[in-house]
Amino acid sequence: MSAMEGIYFDELSKIRVLQPEVLTQTEELKDECKQFVDKIGEFQTVVGGFIDIVDRLAKQVEQEKMMAIGARNTLKSIAKERESQKHQLQTLIAEKRIQLERLRLQYESLLQVESSQNEFIENFAVQK
């Protein structure tokens, strides 16, 4: 390995412009960079797969969330509907009670009229 003003010869007597140590270091650096780039590529592949999985899970969670919101809203509407039916039935019961009381009073009044008429008939029949 002889050196002349920046020109070197390697062990195969090829002309080189770099010192053999620098050439060796450069080739080692090149190999390390290639390994690093390969590892980065693998990392990107793994991260890409992870992101896909997370995206799918996020979509599933969103679907479940929407289903839960729908179920909750359905339950709320059923509860409101039942409350409305309850109020309607309570109103109907109150109306029927008022009607029952009115009919009871009418019945008592009719019983009094009947009693009065029966008494009149008896008095009229006795007078004949």
C-alpha atoms as a PDB file:
ATOM      1  CA  MET A   1       0.000   0.000   0.000  1.00  0.00           C
ATOM      2  CA  SER A   2       1.803   2.971  -1.225  1.00  0.00           C
ATOM      3  CA  ALA A   3       0.585   6.539  -1.153  1.00  0.00           C
ATOM      4  CA  MET A   4       1.351   9.293  -3.606  1.00  0.00           C
ATOM      5  CA  GLU A   5      -0.224  12.671  -3.111  1.00  0.00           C
ATOM      6  CA  GLY A   6      -3.736  11.401  -2.368  1.00  0.00           C
ATOM      7  CA  ILE A   7      -3.603   8.333  -4.561  1.00  0.00           C
ATOM      8  CA  TYR A   8      -3.523   4.913  -2.913  1.00  0.00           C
ATOM      9  CA  PHE A   9      -3.199   1.363  -4.050  1.00  0.00           C
ATOM     10  CA  ASP A  10      -5.097  -1.377  -2.342  1.00  0.00           C
ATOM     11  CA  GLU A  11      -4.067  -4.979  -1.771  1.00  0.00           C
ATOM     12  CA  LEU A  12      -5.143  -5.885  -5.325  1.00  0.00           C
ATOM     13  CA  SER A  13      -3.052  -3.010  -6.670  1.00  0.00           C
ATOM     14  CA  LYS A  14      -6.116  -1.019  -7.691  1.00  0.00           C
ATOM     15  CA  ILE A  15      -5.854   2.741  -7.610  1.00  0.00           C
ATOM     16  CA  ARG A  16      -7.923   4.386  -4.877  1.00  0.00           C
ATOM     17  CA  VAL A  17      -8.458   7.999  -3.923  1.00  0.00           C
ATOM     18  CA  LEU A  18      -9.354   7.181  -0.358  1.00  0.00           C
ATOM     19  CA  GLN A  19      -7.139   5.873   2.323  1.00  0.00           C
ATOM     20  CA  PRO A  20      -7.764   2.168   2.927  1.00  0.00           C
ATOM     21  CA  GLU A  21      -8.914   2.825   6.522  1.00  0.00           C
ATOM     22  CA  VAL A  22     -11.356   5.487   5.342  1.00  0.00           C
ATOM     23  CA  LEU A  23     -12.600   3.149   2.611  1.00  0.00           C
ATOM     24  CA  THR A  24     -13.131   0.393   5.157  1.00  0.00           C
ATOM     25  CA  GLN A  25     -14.949   2.751   7.512  1.00  0.00           C
ATOM     26  CA  THR A  26     -17.068   4.079   4.643  1.00  0.00           C
ATOM     27  CA  GLU A  27     -18.093   0.559   3.613  1.00  0.00           C
ATOM     28  CA  GLU A  28     -18.890  -0.307   7.247  1.00  0.00           C
ATOM     29  CA  LEU A  29     -20.956   2.878   7.526  1.00  0.00           C
ATOM     30  CA  LYS A  30     -22.712   1.991   4.258  1.00  0.00           C
ATOM     31  CA  ASP A  31     -23.563  -1.488   5.608  1.00  0.00           C
ATOM     32  CA  GLU A  32     -24.778  -0.042   8.920  1.00  0.00           C
ATOM     33  CA  CYS A  33     -26.918   2.521   7.064  1.00  0.00           C
ATOM     34  CA  LYS A  34     -28.424  -0.252   4.924  1.00  0.00           C
ATOM     35  CA  GLN A  35     -29.227  -2.258   8.074  1.00  0.00           C
ATOM     36  CA  PHE A  36     -30.691   0.857   9.680  1.00  0.00           C
ATOM     37  CA  VAL A  37     -32.850   1.575   6.617  1.00  0.00           C
ATOM     38  CA  ASP A  38     -33.991  -2.071   6.581  1.00  0.00           C
ATOM     39  CA  LYS A  39     -34.896  -1.877  10.270  1.00  0.00           C
ATOM     40  CA  ILE A  40     -36.762   1.399   9.691  1.00  0.00           C
ATOM     41  CA  GLY A  41     -38.673  -0.319   6.857  1.00  0.00           C
ATOM     42  CA  GLU A  42     -39.574  -3.213   9.159  1.00  0.00           C
ATOM     43  CA  PHE A  43     -40.584  -0.735  11.856  1.00  0.00           C
ATOM     44  CA  GLN A  44     -42.818   1.126   9.395  1.00  0.00           C
ATOM     45  CA  THR A  45     -44.425  -2.162   8.384  1.00  0.00           C
ATOM     46  CA  VAL A  46     -45.099  -3.069  12.030  1.00  0.00           C
ATOM     47  CA  VAL A  47     -46.404   0.402  12.810  1.00  0.00           C
ATOM     48  CA  GLY A  48     -48.593   0.331   9.691  1.00  0.00           C
ATOM     49  CA  GLY A  49     -50.083  -2.989  10.833  1.00  0.00           C
ATOM     50  CA  PHE A  50     -50.622  -1.606  14.314  1.00  0.00           C
ATOM     51  CA  ILE A  51     -52.338   1.496  12.924  1.00  0.00           C
ATOM     52  CA  ASP A  52     -54.618  -0.708  10.796  1.00  0.00           C
ATOM     53  CA  ILE A  53     -55.578  -2.760  13.850  1.00  0.00           C
ATOM     54  CA  VAL A  54     -56.206   0.367  15.913  1.00  0.00           C
ATOM     55  CA  ASP A  55     -58.319   1.860  13.097  1.00  0.00           C
ATOM     56  CA  ARG A  56     -60.429  -1.306  12.873  1.00  0.00           C
ATOM     57  CA  LEU A  57     -60.874  -1.339  16.632  1.00  0.00           C
ATOM     58  CA  ALA A  58     -61.801   2.343  16.593  1.00  0.00           C
ATOM     59  CA  LYS A  59     -64.464   1.645  13.947  1.00  0.00           C
ATOM     60  CA  GLN A  60     -65.825  -1.257  15.996  1.00  0.00           C
ATOM     61  CA  VAL A  61     -65.867   0.882  19.132  1.00  0.00           C
ATOM     62  CA  GLU A  62     -67.670   3.646  17.220  1.00  0.00           C
ATOM     63  CA  GLN A  63     -70.260   1.138  15.950  1.00  0.00           C
ATOM     64  CA  GLU A  64     -70.808  -0.228  19.449  1.00  0.00           C
ATOM     65  CA  LYS A  65     -71.044   3.308  20.785  1.00  0.00           C
ATOM     66  CA  MET A  66     -73.681   4.207  18.199  1.00  0.00           C
ATOM     67  CA  MET A  67     -75.606   1.024  19.000  1.00  0.00           C
ATOM     68  CA  ALA A  68     -75.456   1.844  22.711  1.00  0.00           C
ATOM     69  CA  ILE A  69     -76.666   5.392  22.067  1.00  0.00           C
ATOM     70  CA  GLY A  70     -79.489   3.998  19.927  1.00  0.00           C
ATOM     71  CA  ALA A  71     -80.450   1.510  22.635  1.00  0.00           C
ATOM     72  CA  ARG A  72     -80.357   4.243  25.279  1.00  0.00           C
ATOM     73  CA  ASN A  73     -82.547   6.495  23.148  1.00  0.00           C
ATOM     74  CA  THR A  74     -84.965   3.622  22.547  1.00  0.00           C
ATOM     75  CA  LEU A  75     -85.175   2.965  26.271  1.00  0.00           C
ATOM     76  CA  LYS A  76     -85.789   6.655  26.936  1.00  0.00           C
ATOM     77  CA  SER A  77     -88.560   6.767  24.338  1.00  0.00           C
ATOM     78  CA  ILE A  78     -90.122   3.594  25.775  1.00  0.00           C
ATOM     79  CA  ALA A  79     -89.986   5.107  29.254  1.00  0.00           C
ATOM     80  CA  LYS A  80     -91.594   8.323  27.980  1.00  0.00           C
ATOM     81  CA  GLU A  81     -94.238   6.321  26.147  1.00  0.00           C
ATOM     82  CA  ARG A  82     -95.024   4.310  29.275  1.00  0.00           C
ATOM     83  CA  GLU A  83     -95.203   7.496  31.329  1.00  0.00           C
ATOM     84  CA  SER A  84     -97.583   8.961  28.761  1.00  0.00           C
ATOM     85  CA  GLN A  85     -99.707   5.793  28.815  1.00  0.00           C
ATOM     86  CA  LYS A  86     -99.698   5.903  32.608  1.00  0.00           C
ATOM     87  CA  HIS A  87    -100.979   9.489  32.590  1.00  0.00           C
ATOM     88  CA  GLN A  88    -103.611   8.605  29.985  1.00  0.00           C
ATOM     89  CA  LEU A  89    -104.783   5.662  32.070  1.00  0.00           C
ATOM     90  CA  GLN A  90    -104.843   7.778  35.238  1.00  0.00           C
ATOM     91  CA  THR A  91    -106.915  10.399  33.393  1.00  0.00           C
ATOM     92  CA  LEU A  92    -109.254   7.672  32.112  1.00  0.00           C
ATOM     93  CA  ILE A  93    -109.608   6.258  35.628  1.00  0.00           C
ATOM     94  CA  ALA A  94    -110.403   9.717  36.992  1.00  0.00           C
ATOM     95  CA  GLU A  95    -113.021  10.220  34.246  1.00  0.00           C
ATOM     96  CA  LYS A  96    -114.559   6.799  34.953  1.00  0.00           C
ATOM     97  CA  ARG A  97    -114.677   7.571  38.689  1.00  0.00           C
ATOM     98  CA  ILE A  98    -116.454  10.846  37.980  1.00  0.00           C
ATOM     99  CA  GLN A  99    -118.841   9.000  35.665  1.00  0.00           C
ATOM    100  CA  LEU A 100    -119.367   6.314  38.329  1.00  0.00           C
ATOM    101  CA  GLU A 101    -120.147   8.944  40.954  1.00  0.00           C
ATOM    102  CA  ARG A 102    -122.548  10.701  38.564  1.00  0.00           C
ATOM    103  CA  LEU A 103    -124.284   7.413  37.763  1.00  0.00           C
ATOM    104  CA  ARG A 104    -124.427   6.507  41.481  1.00  0.00           C
ATOM    105  CA  LEU A 105    -126.073   9.841  42.273  1.00  0.00           C
ATOM    106  CA  GLN A 106    -128.454   9.386  39.360  1.00  0.00           C
ATOM    107  CA  TYR A 107    -129.282   5.873  40.579  1.00  0.00           C
ATOM    108  CA  GLU A 108    -129.981   7.157  44.122  1.00  0.00           C
ATOM    109  CA  SER A 109    -132.133   9.904  42.653  1.00  0.00           C
ATOM    110  CA  LEU A 110    -134.028   7.346  40.576  1.00  0.00           C
ATOM    111  CA  LEU A 111    -134.472   5.168  43.675  1.00  0.00           C
ATOM    112  CA  GLN A 112    -135.989   8.156  45.482  1.00  0.00           C
ATOM    113  CA  VAL A 113    -138.275   8.866  42.503  1.00  0.00           C
ATOM    114  CA  GLU A 114    -139.275   5.199  42.415  1.00  0.00           C
ATOM    115  CA  SER A 115    -139.916   5.181  46.147  1.00  0.00           C
ATOM    116  CA  SER A 116    -141.931   8.368  45.845  1.00  0.00           C
ATOM    117  CA  GLN A 117    -143.929   6.995  42.928  1.00  0.00           C
ATOM    118  CA  ASN A 118    -144.530   3.681  44.740  1.00  0.00           C
ATOM    119  CA  GLU A 119    -145.745   5.625  47.745  1.00  0.00           C
ATOM    120  CA  PHE A 120    -148.016   7.705  45.510  1.00  0.00           C
ATOM    121  CA  ILE A 121    -149.387   4.560  43.849  1.00  0.00           C
ATOM    122  CA  GLU A 122    -150.057   2.978  47.243  1.00  0.00           C
ATOM    123  CA  ASN A 123    -151.804   6.117  48.470  1.00  0.00           C
ATOM    124  CA  PHE A 124    -153.799   6.328  45.258  1.00  0.00           C
ATOM    125  CA  ALA A 125    -154.725   2.659  45.439  1.00  0.00           C
ATOM    126  CA  VAL A 126    -155.814   3.027  49.079  1.00  0.00           C
ATOM    127  CA  GLN A 127    -158.014   5.962  48.249  1.00  0.00           C
ATOM    128  CA  LYS A 128    -160.040   4.019  45.738  1.00  0.00           C
END
